[in-house]
């Protein structure tokens, strides 16, 4: 039980507790207005997703998954797919692999001059 991968950093823990008591977390680009005093620092979405899974917080896990799912770009998909925490969560791996597959097929079709419909 005393494994380094079981450790949780302060920012992630602060976001977990804030979510339990207040109902929101600080994920990148998840806020548009000024933040109240005591609002947690921005959390790493992977670490928060993993912690939400570990502490059985399904609504927070869904929120993190939504953020990870919609935050993927051509520029960051490899980093996200090979993130150490991703290998433990097949739903994330599958989403990132589908994303890579989609862009591969899209690029291949464009190269061949085919019309691509979204």
PDB file of N, CA and C in Angstrom:
ATOM      1  N   UNK A   1       0.825  -1.204   0.000  1.00  0.00           N
ATOM      2  CA  UNK A   1       0.000   0.000   0.000  1.00  0.00           C
ATOM      3  C   UNK A   1       0.863   1.259   0.000  1.00  0.00           C
ATOM      4  N   UNK A   2       2.128   1.112   0.338  1.00  0.00           N
ATOM      5  CA  UNK A   2       3.018   2.257   0.407  1.00  0.00           C
ATOM      6  C   UNK A   2       3.837   2.371  -0.874  1.00  0.00           C
ATOM      7  N   UNK A   3       3.142   2.380  -2.005  1.00  0.00           N
ATOM      8  CA  UNK A   3       3.776   2.470  -3.309  1.00  0.00           C
ATOM      9  C   UNK A   3       3.769   3.926  -3.772  1.00  0.00           C
ATOM     10  N   UNK A   4       4.821   4.372  -4.469  1.00  0.00           N
ATOM     11  CA  UNK A   4       4.845   5.753  -4.968  1.00  0.00           C
ATOM     12  C   UNK A   4       3.659   6.081  -5.870  1.00  0.00           C
ATOM     13  N   UNK A   5       3.178   5.116  -6.652  1.00  0.00           N
ATOM     14  CA  UNK A   5       2.047   5.391  -7.536  1.00  0.00           C
ATOM     15  C   UNK A   5       0.744   5.593  -6.770  1.00  0.00           C
ATOM     16  N   UNK A   6       0.729   5.224  -5.473  1.00  0.00           N
ATOM     17  CA  UNK A   6      -0.450   5.450  -4.643  1.00  0.00           C
ATOM     18  C   UNK A   6      -0.471   6.856  -4.048  1.00  0.00           C
ATOM     19  N   UNK A   7       0.644   7.572  -4.144  1.00  0.00           N
ATOM     20  CA  UNK A   7       0.723   8.923  -3.595  1.00  0.00           C
ATOM     21  C   UNK A   7      -0.195   9.861  -4.375  1.00  0.00           C
ATOM     22  N   UNK A   8      -0.657  10.881  -3.689  1.00  0.00           N
ATOM     23  CA  UNK A   8      -1.492  11.895  -4.332  1.00  0.00           C
ATOM     24  C   UNK A   8      -0.898  13.257  -3.984  1.00  0.00           C
ATOM     25  N   UNK A   9      -0.728  14.089  -4.992  1.00  0.00           N
ATOM     26  CA  UNK A   9      -0.127  15.406  -4.751  1.00  0.00           C
ATOM     27  C   UNK A   9      -1.152  16.351  -4.130  1.00  0.00           C
ATOM     28  N   UNK A  10      -0.657  17.429  -3.553  1.00  0.00           N
ATOM     29  CA  UNK A  10      -1.516  18.374  -2.842  1.00  0.00           C
ATOM     30  C   UNK A  10      -2.592  18.978  -3.743  1.00  0.00           C
ATOM     31  N   UNK A  11      -2.222  19.385  -4.946  1.00  0.00           N
ATOM     32  CA  UNK A  11      -3.179  20.038  -5.842  1.00  0.00           C
ATOM     33  C   UNK A  11      -4.321  19.086  -6.192  1.00  0.00           C
ATOM     34  N   UNK A  12      -3.999  17.830  -6.473  1.00  0.00           N
ATOM     35  CA  UNK A  12      -5.040  16.847  -6.792  1.00  0.00           C
ATOM     36  C   UNK A  12      -5.935  16.614  -5.581  1.00  0.00           C
ATOM     37  N   UNK A  13      -5.340  16.451  -4.411  1.00  0.00           N
ATOM     38  CA  UNK A  13      -6.125  16.239  -3.194  1.00  0.00           C
ATOM     39  C   UNK A  13      -7.006  17.447  -2.896  1.00  0.00           C
ATOM     40  N   UNK A  14      -6.460  18.639  -3.062  1.00  0.00           N
ATOM     41  CA  UNK A  14      -7.238  19.858  -2.831  1.00  0.00           C
ATOM     42  C   UNK A  14      -8.444  19.902  -3.776  1.00  0.00           C
ATOM     43  N   UNK A  15      -8.232  19.551  -5.048  1.00  0.00           N
ATOM     44  CA  UNK A  15      -9.332  19.526  -6.004  1.00  0.00           C
ATOM     45  C   UNK A  15     -10.368  18.464  -5.655  1.00  0.00           C
ATOM     46  N   UNK A  16      -9.925  17.297  -5.191  1.00  0.00           N
ATOM     47  CA  UNK A  16     -10.854  16.230  -4.773  1.00  0.00           C
ATOM     48  C   UNK A  16     -11.724  16.723  -3.619  1.00  0.00           C
ATOM     49  N   UNK A  17     -11.092  17.285  -2.600  1.00  0.00           N
ATOM     50  CA  UNK A  17     -11.854  17.777  -1.449  1.00  0.00           C
ATOM     51  C   UNK A  17     -12.781  18.918  -1.835  1.00  0.00           C
ATOM     52  N   UNK A  18     -12.310  19.802  -2.677  1.00  0.00           N
ATOM     53  CA  UNK A  18     -13.141  20.915  -3.145  1.00  0.00           C
ATOM     54  C   UNK A  18     -14.348  20.383  -3.905  1.00  0.00           C
ATOM     55  N   UNK A  19     -14.128  19.347  -4.709  1.00  0.00           N
ATOM     56  CA  UNK A  19     -15.231  18.736  -5.447  1.00  0.00           C
ATOM     57  C   UNK A  19     -16.242  18.101  -4.491  1.00  0.00           C
ATOM     58  N   UNK A  20     -15.765  17.391  -3.489  1.00  0.00           N
ATOM     59  CA  UNK A  20     -16.663  16.737  -2.530  1.00  0.00           C
ATOM     60  C   UNK A  20     -17.510  17.762  -1.786  1.00  0.00           C
ATOM     61  N   UNK A  21     -16.901  18.875  -1.371  1.00  0.00           N
ATOM     62  CA  UNK A  21     -17.616  19.863  -0.562  1.00  0.00           C
ATOM     63  C   UNK A  21     -18.344  20.931  -1.376  1.00  0.00           C
ATOM     64  N   UNK A  22     -17.784  21.343  -2.504  1.00  0.00           N
ATOM     65  CA  UNK A  22     -18.339  22.463  -3.271  1.00  0.00           C
ATOM     66  C   UNK A  22     -18.967  22.006  -4.589  1.00  0.00           C
ATOM     67  N   UNK A  23     -18.420  20.920  -5.173  1.00  0.00           N
ATOM     68  CA  UNK A  23     -18.995  20.395  -6.411  1.00  0.00           C
ATOM     69  C   UNK A  23     -18.301  20.838  -7.685  1.00  0.00           C
ATOM     70  N   UNK A  24     -17.112  21.432  -7.574  1.00  0.00           N
ATOM     71  CA  UNK A  24     -16.386  21.811  -8.786  1.00  0.00           C
ATOM     72  C   UNK A  24     -14.884  21.631  -8.574  1.00  0.00           C
ATOM     73  N   UNK A  25     -14.165  21.582  -9.694  1.00  0.00           N
ATOM     74  CA  UNK A  25     -12.716  21.416  -9.681  1.00  0.00           C
ATOM     75  C   UNK A  25     -12.106  22.422 -10.633  1.00  0.00           C
ATOM     76  N   UNK A  26     -10.798  22.544 -10.572  1.00  0.00           N
ATOM     77  CA  UNK A  26     -10.087  23.477 -11.440  1.00  0.00           C
ATOM     78  C   UNK A  26      -9.303  22.683 -12.484  1.00  0.00           C
ATOM     79  N   UNK A  27      -9.945  22.443 -13.611  1.00  0.00           N
ATOM     80  CA  UNK A  27      -9.286  21.818 -14.753  1.00  0.00           C
ATOM     81  C   UNK A  27      -8.911  22.914 -15.743  1.00  0.00           C
ATOM     82  N   UNK A  28      -7.889  22.692 -16.561  1.00  0.00           N
ATOM     83  CA  UNK A  28      -7.506  23.730 -17.522  1.00  0.00           C
ATOM     84  C   UNK A  28      -8.702  24.173 -18.375  1.00  0.00           C
ATOM     85  N   UNK A  29      -8.892  25.487 -18.442  1.00  0.00           N
ATOM     86  CA  UNK A  29      -9.949  26.111 -19.249  1.00  0.00           C
ATOM     87  C   UNK A  29     -11.355  25.759 -18.799  1.00  0.00           C
ATOM     88  N   UNK A  30     -11.538  25.344 -17.538  1.00  0.00           N
ATOM     89  CA  UNK A  30     -12.882  25.001 -17.080  1.00  0.00           C
ATOM     90  C   UNK A  30     -13.589  26.164 -16.397  1.00  0.00           C
ATOM     91  N   UNK A  31     -12.963  27.327 -16.369  1.00  0.00           N
ATOM     92  CA  UNK A  31     -13.576  28.476 -15.725  1.00  0.00           C
ATOM     93  C   UNK A  31     -13.392  29.709 -16.593  1.00  0.00           C
ATOM     94  N   UNK A  32     -14.380  30.592 -16.539  1.00  0.00           N
ATOM     95  CA  UNK A  32     -14.301  31.811 -17.332  1.00  0.00           C
ATOM     96  C   UNK A  32     -14.303  33.059 -16.452  1.00  0.00           C
ATOM     97  N   UNK A  33     -14.852  32.958 -15.261  1.00  0.00           N
ATOM     98  CA  UNK A  33     -14.900  34.107 -14.373  1.00  0.00           C
ATOM     99  C   UNK A  33     -13.722  34.062 -13.401  1.00  0.00           C
ATOM    100  N   UNK A  34     -13.595  35.111 -12.609  1.00  0.00           N
ATOM    101  CA  UNK A  34     -12.496  35.132 -11.643  1.00  0.00           C
ATOM    102  C   UNK A  34     -12.752  34.068 -10.576  1.00  0.00           C
ATOM    103  N   UNK A  35     -11.672  33.517 -10.064  1.00  0.00           N
ATOM    104  CA  UNK A  35     -11.776  32.412  -9.119  1.00  0.00           C
ATOM    105  C   UNK A  35     -11.899  32.937  -7.694  1.00  0.00           C
ATOM    106  N   UNK A  36     -12.741  32.285  -6.884  1.00  0.00           N
ATOM    107  CA  UNK A  36     -12.895  32.734  -5.494  1.00  0.00           C
ATOM    108  C   UNK A  36     -11.664  32.402  -4.655  1.00  0.00           C
ATOM    109  N   UNK A  37     -11.552  33.061  -3.523  1.00  0.00           N
ATOM    110  CA  UNK A  37     -10.448  32.786  -2.614  1.00  0.00           C
ATOM    111  C   UNK A  37     -10.544  31.335  -2.130  1.00  0.00           C
ATOM    112  N   UNK A  38      -9.413  30.657  -2.075  1.00  0.00           N
ATOM    113  CA  UNK A  38      -9.387  29.277  -1.630  1.00  0.00           C
ATOM    114  C   UNK A  38      -9.621  28.265  -2.735  1.00  0.00           C
ATOM    115  N   UNK A  39      -9.874  28.768  -3.957  1.00  0.00           N
ATOM    116  CA  UNK A  39     -10.093  27.861  -5.084  1.00  0.00           C
ATOM    117  C   UNK A  39      -8.788  27.112  -5.357  1.00  0.00           C
ATOM    118  N   UNK A  40      -8.860  25.807  -5.598  1.00  0.00           N
ATOM    119  CA  UNK A  40      -7.613  25.045  -5.788  1.00  0.00           C
ATOM    120  C   UNK A  40      -6.868  25.443  -7.055  1.00  0.00           C
ATOM    121  N   UNK A  41      -5.576  25.181  -7.057  1.00  0.00           N
ATOM    122  CA  UNK A  41      -4.774  25.388  -8.262  1.00  0.00           C
ATOM    123  C   UNK A  41      -5.238  24.420  -9.340  1.00  0.00           C
ATOM    124  N   UNK A  42      -4.851  24.706 -10.569  1.00  0.00           N
ATOM    125  CA  UNK A  42      -5.237  23.878 -11.706  1.00  0.00           C
ATOM    126  C   UNK A  42      -4.673  22.463 -11.569  1.00  0.00           C
ATOM    127  N   UNK A  43      -5.544  21.474 -11.695  1.00  0.00           N
ATOM    128  CA  UNK A  43      -5.151  20.072 -11.525  1.00  0.00           C
ATOM    129  C   UNK A  43      -4.706  19.460 -12.844  1.00  0.00           C
ATOM    130  N   UNK A  44      -3.851  18.461 -12.752  1.00  0.00           N
ATOM    131  CA  UNK A  44      -3.485  17.649 -13.903  1.00  0.00           C
ATOM    132  C   UNK A  44      -4.669  16.725 -14.181  1.00  0.00           C
ATOM    133  N   UNK A  45      -5.269  16.812 -15.370  1.00  0.00           N
ATOM    134  CA  UNK A  45      -6.472  16.011 -15.651  1.00  0.00           C
ATOM    135  C   UNK A  45      -6.262  14.502 -15.489  1.00  0.00           C
ATOM    136  N   UNK A  46      -5.092  13.995 -15.873  1.00  0.00           N
ATOM    137  CA  UNK A  46      -4.822  12.564 -15.715  1.00  0.00           C
ATOM    138  C   UNK A  46      -4.790  12.172 -14.240  1.00  0.00           C
ATOM    139  N   UNK A  47      -4.086  12.961 -13.434  1.00  0.00           N
ATOM    140  CA  UNK A  47      -3.981  12.640 -12.008  1.00  0.00           C
ATOM    141  C   UNK A  47      -5.334  12.730 -11.321  1.00  0.00           C
ATOM    142  N   UNK A  48      -6.129  13.724 -11.701  1.00  0.00           N
ATOM    143  CA  UNK A  48      -7.450  13.870 -11.109  1.00  0.00           C
ATOM    144  C   UNK A  48      -8.387  12.745 -11.561  1.00  0.00           C
ATOM    145  N   UNK A  49      -8.289  12.346 -12.818  1.00  0.00           N
ATOM    146  CA  UNK A  49      -9.076  11.227 -13.340  1.00  0.00           C
ATOM    147  C   UNK A  49      -8.737   9.957 -12.560  1.00  0.00           C
ATOM    148  N   UNK A  50      -7.445   9.696 -12.377  1.00  0.00           N
ATOM    149  CA  UNK A  50      -7.003   8.501 -11.656  1.00  0.00           C
ATOM    150  C   UNK A  50      -7.488   8.530 -10.208  1.00  0.00           C
ATOM    151  N   UNK A  51      -7.371   9.690  -9.557  1.00  0.00           N
ATOM    152  CA  UNK A  51      -7.805   9.807  -8.162  1.00  0.00           C
ATOM    153  C   UNK A  51      -9.322   9.655  -8.042  1.00  0.00           C
ATOM    154  N   UNK A  52     -10.063  10.210  -8.988  1.00  0.00           N
ATOM    155  CA  UNK A  52     -11.521  10.073  -8.960  1.00  0.00           C
ATOM    156  C   UNK A  52     -11.927   8.610  -9.089  1.00  0.00           C
ATOM    157  N   UNK A  53     -11.209   7.877  -9.917  1.00  0.00           N
ATOM    158  CA  UNK A  53     -11.464   6.446 -10.065  1.00  0.00           C
ATOM    159  C   UNK A  53     -11.116   5.716  -8.767  1.00  0.00           C
ATOM    160  N   UNK A  54      -9.994   6.055  -8.193  1.00  0.00           N
ATOM    161  CA  UNK A  54      -9.512   5.403  -6.967  1.00  0.00           C
ATOM    162  C   UNK A  54     -10.463   5.652  -5.791  1.00  0.00           C
ATOM    163  N   UNK A  55     -10.982   6.878  -5.677  1.00  0.00           N
ATOM    164  CA  UNK A  55     -11.846   7.239  -4.551  1.00  0.00           C
ATOM    165  C   UNK A  55     -13.334   7.078  -4.860  1.00  0.00           C
ATOM    166  N   UNK A  56     -13.634   6.395  -5.966  1.00  0.00           N
ATOM    167  CA  UNK A  56     -15.020   6.081  -6.344  1.00  0.00           C
ATOM    168  C   UNK A  56     -15.902   7.326  -6.418  1.00  0.00           C
ATOM    169  N   UNK A  57     -15.440   8.290  -7.209  1.00  0.00           N
ATOM    170  CA  UNK A  57     -16.191   9.521  -7.456  1.00  0.00           C
ATOM    171  C   UNK A  57     -16.575   9.543  -8.940  1.00  0.00           C
ATOM    172  N   UNK A  58     -17.633   8.809  -9.325  1.00  0.00           N
ATOM    173  CA  UNK A  58     -17.949   8.651 -10.746  1.00  0.00           C
ATOM    174  C   UNK A  58     -18.270   9.949 -11.476  1.00  0.00           C
ATOM    175  N   UNK A  59     -18.928  10.893 -10.819  1.00  0.00           N
ATOM    176  CA  UNK A  59     -19.248  12.139 -11.528  1.00  0.00           C
ATOM    177  C   UNK A  59     -17.983  12.954 -11.797  1.00  0.00           C
ATOM    178  N   UNK A  60     -17.039  12.943 -10.872  1.00  0.00           N
ATOM    179  CA  UNK A  60     -15.764  13.625 -11.104  1.00  0.00           C
ATOM    180  C   UNK A  60     -14.966  12.896 -12.171  1.00  0.00           C
ATOM    181  N   UNK A  61     -14.995  11.581 -12.148  1.00  0.00           N
ATOM    182  CA  UNK A  61     -14.297  10.795 -13.166  1.00  0.00           C
ATOM    183  C   UNK A  61     -14.863  11.112 -14.548  1.00  0.00           C
ATOM    184  N   UNK A  62     -16.184  11.198 -14.658  1.00  0.00           N
ATOM    185  CA  UNK A  62     -16.819  11.546 -15.938  1.00  0.00           C
ATOM    186  C   UNK A  62     -16.410  12.946 -16.393  1.00  0.00           C
ATOM    187  N   UNK A  63     -16.369  13.878 -15.456  1.00  0.00           N
ATOM    188  CA  UNK A  63     -15.974  15.256 -15.789  1.00  0.00           C
ATOM    189  C   UNK A  63     -14.534  15.289 -16.296  1.00  0.00           C
ATOM    190  N   UNK A  64     -13.658  14.557 -15.636  1.00  0.00           N
ATOM    191  CA  UNK A  64     -12.257  14.496 -16.060  1.00  0.00           C
ATOM    192  C   UNK A  64     -12.136  13.802 -17.412  1.00  0.00           C
ATOM    193  N   UNK A  65     -12.895  12.717 -17.598  1.00  0.00           N
ATOM    194  CA  UNK A  65     -12.865  12.005 -18.875  1.00  0.00           C
ATOM    195  C   UNK A  65     -13.330  12.930 -19.997  1.00  0.00           C
ATOM    196  N   UNK A  66     -14.398  13.672 -19.759  1.00  0.00           N
ATOM    197  CA  UNK A  66     -14.899  14.618 -20.753  1.00  0.00           C
ATOM    198  C   UNK A  66     -13.816  15.629 -21.104  1.00  0.00           C
ATOM    199  N   UNK A  67     -13.120  16.125 -20.087  1.00  0.00           N
ATOM    200  CA  UNK A  67     -12.053  17.098 -20.317  1.00  0.00           C
ATOM    201  C   UNK A  67     -10.915  16.473 -21.120  1.00  0.00           C
ATOM    202  N   UNK A  68     -10.504  15.275 -20.740  1.00  0.00           N
ATOM    203  CA  UNK A  68      -9.427  14.591 -21.460  1.00  0.00           C
ATOM    204  C   UNK A  68      -9.848  14.254 -22.881  1.00  0.00           C
ATOM    205  N   UNK A  69     -11.089  13.837 -23.039  1.00  0.00           N
ATOM    206  CA  UNK A  69     -11.620  13.457 -24.351  1.00  0.00           C
ATOM    207  C   UNK A  69     -11.660  14.649 -25.302  1.00  0.00           C
ATOM    208  N   UNK A  70     -12.077  15.795 -24.800  1.00  0.00           N
ATOM    209  CA  UNK A  70     -12.222  16.972 -25.647  1.00  0.00           C
ATOM    210  C   UNK A  70     -10.977  17.854 -25.687  1.00  0.00           C
ATOM    211  N   UNK A  71      -9.983  17.514 -24.891  1.00  0.00           N
ATOM    212  CA  UNK A  71      -8.745  18.286 -24.886  1.00  0.00           C
ATOM    213  C   UNK A  71      -7.675  17.702 -25.793  1.00  0.00           C
ATOM    214  N   UNK A  72      -7.996  16.606 -26.476  1.00  0.00           N
ATOM    215  CA  UNK A  72      -7.005  15.959 -27.331  1.00  0.00           C
ATOM    216  C   UNK A  72      -6.901  16.697 -28.661  1.00  0.00           C
ATOM    217  N   UNK A  73      -5.665  16.865 -29.118  1.00  0.00           N
ATOM    218  CA  UNK A  73      -5.411  17.510 -30.408  1.00  0.00           C
ATOM    219  C   UNK A  73      -4.365  16.682 -31.146  1.00  0.00           C
ATOM    220  N   UNK A  74      -4.158  17.011 -32.402  1.00  0.00           N
ATOM    221  CA  UNK A  74      -3.132  16.341 -33.183  1.00  0.00           C
ATOM    222  C   UNK A  74      -1.767  16.542 -32.523  1.00  0.00           C
ATOM    223  N   UNK A  75      -1.558  17.707 -31.930  1.00  0.00           N
ATOM    224  CA  UNK A  75      -0.279  18.025 -31.318  1.00  0.00           C
ATOM    225  C   UNK A  75      -0.026  17.274 -30.012  1.00  0.00           C
ATOM    226  N   UNK A  76      -1.075  16.924 -29.256  1.00  0.00           N
ATOM    227  CA  UNK A  76      -0.836  16.321 -27.944  1.00  0.00           C
ATOM    228  C   UNK A  76      -1.301  14.875 -27.807  1.00  0.00           C
ATOM    229  N   UNK A  77      -1.849  14.282 -28.860  1.00  0.00           N
ATOM    230  CA  UNK A  77      -2.408  12.927 -28.734  1.00  0.00           C
ATOM    231  C   UNK A  77      -1.349  11.894 -28.352  1.00  0.00           C
ATOM    232  N   UNK A  78      -0.148  11.984 -28.883  1.00  0.00           N
ATOM    233  CA  UNK A  78       0.895  11.015 -28.550  1.00  0.00           C
ATOM    234  C   UNK A  78       1.273  11.130 -27.072  1.00  0.00           C
ATOM    235  N   UNK A  79       1.421  12.352 -26.593  1.00  0.00           N
ATOM    236  CA  UNK A  79       1.751  12.558 -25.179  1.00  0.00           C
ATOM    237  C   UNK A  79       0.654  12.000 -24.277  1.00  0.00           C
ATOM    238  N   UNK A  80      -0.589  12.216 -24.654  1.00  0.00           N
ATOM    239  CA  UNK A  80      -1.700  11.740 -23.842  1.00  0.00           C
ATOM    240  C   UNK A  80      -1.835  10.212 -23.909  1.00  0.00           C
ATOM    241  N   UNK A  81      -1.653   9.654 -25.093  1.00  0.00           N
ATOM    242  CA  UNK A  81      -1.769   8.209 -25.261  1.00  0.00           C
ATOM    243  C   UNK A  81      -0.699   7.463 -24.478  1.00  0.00           C
ATOM    244  N   UNK A  82       0.515   8.016 -24.448  1.00  0.00           N
ATOM    245  CA  UNK A  82       1.617   7.344 -23.771  1.00  0.00           C
ATOM    246  C   UNK A  82       1.879   7.877 -22.361  1.00  0.00           C
ATOM    247  N   UNK A  83       0.946   8.645 -21.842  1.00  0.00           N
ATOM    248  CA  UNK A  83       1.033   9.111 -20.452  1.00  0.00           C
ATOM    249  C   UNK A  83       0.996   7.874 -19.552  1.00  0.00           C
ATOM    250  N   UNK A  84       1.840   7.808 -18.528  1.00  0.00           N
ATOM    251  CA  UNK A  84       1.887   6.606 -17.683  1.00  0.00           C
ATOM    252  C   UNK A  84       0.525   6.216 -17.086  1.00  0.00           C
ATOM    253  N   UNK A  85      -0.319   7.189 -16.792  1.00  0.00           N
ATOM    254  CA  UNK A  85      -1.618   6.874 -16.206  1.00  0.00           C
ATOM    255  C   UNK A  85      -2.623   6.361 -17.227  1.00  0.00           C
ATOM    256  N   UNK A  86      -2.367   6.600 -18.483  1.00  0.00           N
ATOM    257  CA  UNK A  86      -3.306   6.185 -19.519  1.00  0.00           C
ATOM    258  C   UNK A  86      -3.353   4.666 -19.668  1.00  0.00           C
ATOM    259  N   UNK A  87      -2.246   4.004 -19.456  1.00  0.00           N
ATOM    260  CA  UNK A  87      -2.207   2.550 -19.659  1.00  0.00           C
ATOM    261  C   UNK A  87      -3.128   1.798 -18.707  1.00  0.00           C
ATOM    262  N   UNK A  88      -3.500   2.406 -17.607  1.00  0.00           N
ATOM    263  CA  UNK A  88      -4.378   1.759 -16.638  1.00  0.00           C
ATOM    264  C   UNK A  88      -5.859   1.959 -16.942  1.00  0.00           C
ATOM    265  N   UNK A  89      -6.154   2.801 -17.915  1.00  0.00           N
ATOM    266  CA  UNK A  89      -7.549   3.144 -18.200  1.00  0.00           C
ATOM    267  C   UNK A  89      -7.837   2.904 -19.682  1.00  0.00           C
ATOM    268  N   UNK A  90      -8.411   1.757 -19.959  1.00  0.00           N
ATOM    269  CA  UNK A  90      -8.628   1.348 -21.350  1.00  0.00           C
ATOM    270  C   UNK A  90      -9.568   2.285 -22.095  1.00  0.00           C
ATOM    271  N   UNK A  91     -10.524   2.910 -21.400  1.00  0.00           N
ATOM    272  CA  UNK A  91     -11.441   3.819 -22.089  1.00  0.00           C
ATOM    273  C   UNK A  91     -10.704   5.032 -22.640  1.00  0.00           C
ATOM    274  N   UNK A  92      -9.687   5.503 -21.922  1.00  0.00           N
ATOM    275  CA  UNK A  92      -8.876   6.610 -22.434  1.00  0.00           C
ATOM    276  C   UNK A  92      -8.007   6.150 -23.598  1.00  0.00           C
ATOM    277  N   UNK A  93      -7.363   5.011 -23.420  1.00  0.00           N
ATOM    278  CA  UNK A  93      -6.531   4.468 -24.498  1.00  0.00           C
ATOM    279  C   UNK A  93      -7.345   4.302 -25.771  1.00  0.00           C
ATOM    280  N   UNK A  94      -8.543   3.748 -25.634  1.00  0.00           N
ATOM    281  CA  UNK A  94      -9.383   3.510 -26.804  1.00  0.00           C
ATOM    282  C   UNK A  94      -9.758   4.820 -27.482  1.00  0.00           C
ATOM    283  N   UNK A  95     -10.112   5.826 -26.687  1.00  0.00           N
ATOM    284  CA  UNK A  95     -10.464   7.122 -27.275  1.00  0.00           C
ATOM    285  C   UNK A  95      -9.286   7.719 -28.040  1.00  0.00           C
ATOM    286  N   UNK A  96      -8.097   7.676 -27.463  1.00  0.00           N
ATOM    287  CA  UNK A  96      -6.927   8.244 -28.124  1.00  0.00           C
ATOM    288  C   UNK A  96      -6.540   7.450 -29.364  1.00  0.00           C
ATOM    289  N   UNK A  97      -6.672   6.130 -29.307  1.00  0.00           N
ATOM    290  CA  UNK A  97      -6.384   5.312 -30.488  1.00  0.00           C
ATOM    291  C   UNK A  97      -7.400   5.603 -31.601  1.00  0.00           C
ATOM    292  N   UNK A  98      -8.668   5.762 -31.241  1.00  0.00           N
ATOM    293  CA  UNK A  98      -9.691   6.122 -32.230  1.00  0.00           C
ATOM    294  C   UNK A  98      -9.384   7.476 -32.853  1.00  0.00           C
ATOM    295  N   UNK A  99      -8.906   8.406 -32.045  1.00  0.00           N
ATOM    296  CA  UNK A  99      -8.542   9.734 -32.537  1.00  0.00           C
ATOM    297  C   UNK A  99      -7.399   9.635 -33.549  1.00  0.00           C
ATOM    298  N   UNK A 100      -6.375   8.857 -33.203  1.00  0.00           N
ATOM    299  CA  UNK A 100      -5.237   8.670 -34.115  1.00  0.00           C
ATOM    300  C   UNK A 100      -5.705   8.010 -35.404  1.00  0.00           C
ATOM    301  N   UNK A 101      -6.538   6.976 -35.271  1.00  0.00           N
ATOM    302  CA  UNK A 101      -7.055   6.267 -36.436  1.00  0.00           C
ATOM    303  C   UNK A 101      -7.860   7.209 -37.339  1.00  0.00           C
ATOM    304  N   UNK A 102      -8.706   8.036 -36.746  1.00  0.00           N
ATOM    305  CA  UNK A 102      -9.515   8.984 -37.506  1.00  0.00           C
ATOM    306  C   UNK A 102      -8.621   9.936 -38.295  1.00  0.00           C
ATOM    307  N   UNK A 103      -7.618  10.527 -37.633  1.00  0.00           N
ATOM    308  CA  UNK A 103      -6.750  11.477 -38.328  1.00  0.00           C
ATOM    309  C   UNK A 103      -5.868  10.803 -39.360  1.00  0.00           C
ATOM    310  N   UNK A 104      -5.493   9.565 -39.119  1.00  0.00           N
ATOM    311  CA  UNK A 104      -4.726   8.816 -40.111  1.00  0.00           C
ATOM    312  C   UNK A 104      -5.562   8.613 -41.369  1.00  0.00           C
ATOM    313  N   UNK A 105      -6.803   8.156 -41.188  1.00  0.00           N
ATOM    314  CA  UNK A 105      -7.680   7.916 -42.346  1.00  0.00           C
ATOM    315  C   UNK A 105      -8.018   9.222 -43.064  1.00  0.00           C
ATOM    316  N   UNK A 106      -8.227  10.274 -42.313  1.00  0.00           N
ATOM    317  CA  UNK A 106      -8.519  11.581 -42.902  1.00  0.00           C
ATOM    318  C   UNK A 106      -7.338  12.071 -43.736  1.00  0.00           C
ATOM    319  N   UNK A 107      -6.142  11.975 -43.198  1.00  0.00           N
ATOM    320  CA  UNK A 107      -4.940  12.415 -43.904  1.00  0.00           C
ATOM    321  C   UNK A 107      -4.700  11.559 -45.145  1.00  0.00           C
ATOM    322  N   UNK A 108      -4.887  10.286 -45.016  1.00  0.00           N
ATOM    323  CA  UNK A 108      -4.719   9.362 -46.138  1.00  0.00           C
ATOM    324  C   UNK A 108      -5.708   9.685 -47.258  1.00  0.00           C
ATOM    325  N   UNK A 109      -6.964   9.957 -46.886  1.00  0.00           N
ATOM    326  CA  UNK A 109      -7.976  10.288 -47.881  1.00  0.00           C
ATOM    327  C   UNK A 109      -7.652  11.617 -48.567  1.00  0.00           C
ATOM    328  N   UNK A 110      -7.223  12.586 -47.798  1.00  0.00           N
ATOM    329  CA  UNK A 110      -6.869  13.878 -48.390  1.00  0.00           C
ATOM    330  C   UNK A 110      -5.687  13.736 -49.337  1.00  0.00           C
ATOM    331  N   UNK A 111      -4.729  12.909 -48.965  1.00  0.00           N
ATOM    332  CA  UNK A 111      -3.553  12.678 -49.808  1.00  0.00           C
ATOM    333  C   UNK A 111      -3.964  12.059 -51.144  1.00  0.00           C
ATOM    334  N   UNK A 112      -4.942  11.176 -51.094  1.00  0.00           N
ATOM    335  CA  UNK A 112      -5.421  10.532 -52.313  1.00  0.00           C
ATOM    336  C   UNK A 112      -6.394  11.414 -53.083  1.00  0.00           C
ATOM    337  N   UNK A 113      -6.754  12.543 -52.522  1.00  0.00           N
ATOM    338  CA  UNK A 113      -7.658  13.472 -53.197  1.00  0.00           C
ATOM    339  C   UNK A 113      -9.123  13.111 -53.037  1.00  0.00           C
ATOM    340  N   UNK A 114      -9.437  12.264 -52.097  1.00  0.00           N
ATOM    341  CA  UNK A 114     -10.820  11.877 -51.874  1.00  0.00           C
ATOM    342  C   UNK A 114     -11.555  12.961 -51.106  1.00  0.00           C
ATOM    343  N   UNK A 115     -12.856  13.029 -51.293  1.00  0.00           N
ATOM    344  CA  UNK A 115     -13.689  13.957 -50.544  1.00  0.00           C
ATOM    345  C   UNK A 115     -13.955  13.341 -49.199  1.00  0.00           C
ATOM    346  N   UNK A 116     -13.728  14.109 -48.145  1.00  0.00           N
ATOM    347  CA  UNK A 116     -13.916  13.615 -46.790  1.00  0.00           C
ATOM    348  C   UNK A 116     -15.078  14.347 -46.167  1.00  0.00           C
ATOM    349  N   UNK A 117     -15.997  13.582 -45.604  1.00  0.00           N
ATOM    350  CA  UNK A 117     -17.148  14.176 -44.915  1.00  0.00           C
ATOM    351  C   UNK A 117     -16.998  13.886 -43.433  1.00  0.00           C
ATOM    352  N   UNK A 118     -17.258  14.924 -42.604  1.00  0.00           N
ATOM    353  CA  UNK A 118     -17.083  14.839 -41.159  1.00  0.00           C
ATOM    354  C   UNK A 118     -18.032  13.955 -40.530  1.00  0.00           C
TER     355      UNK A 118
END
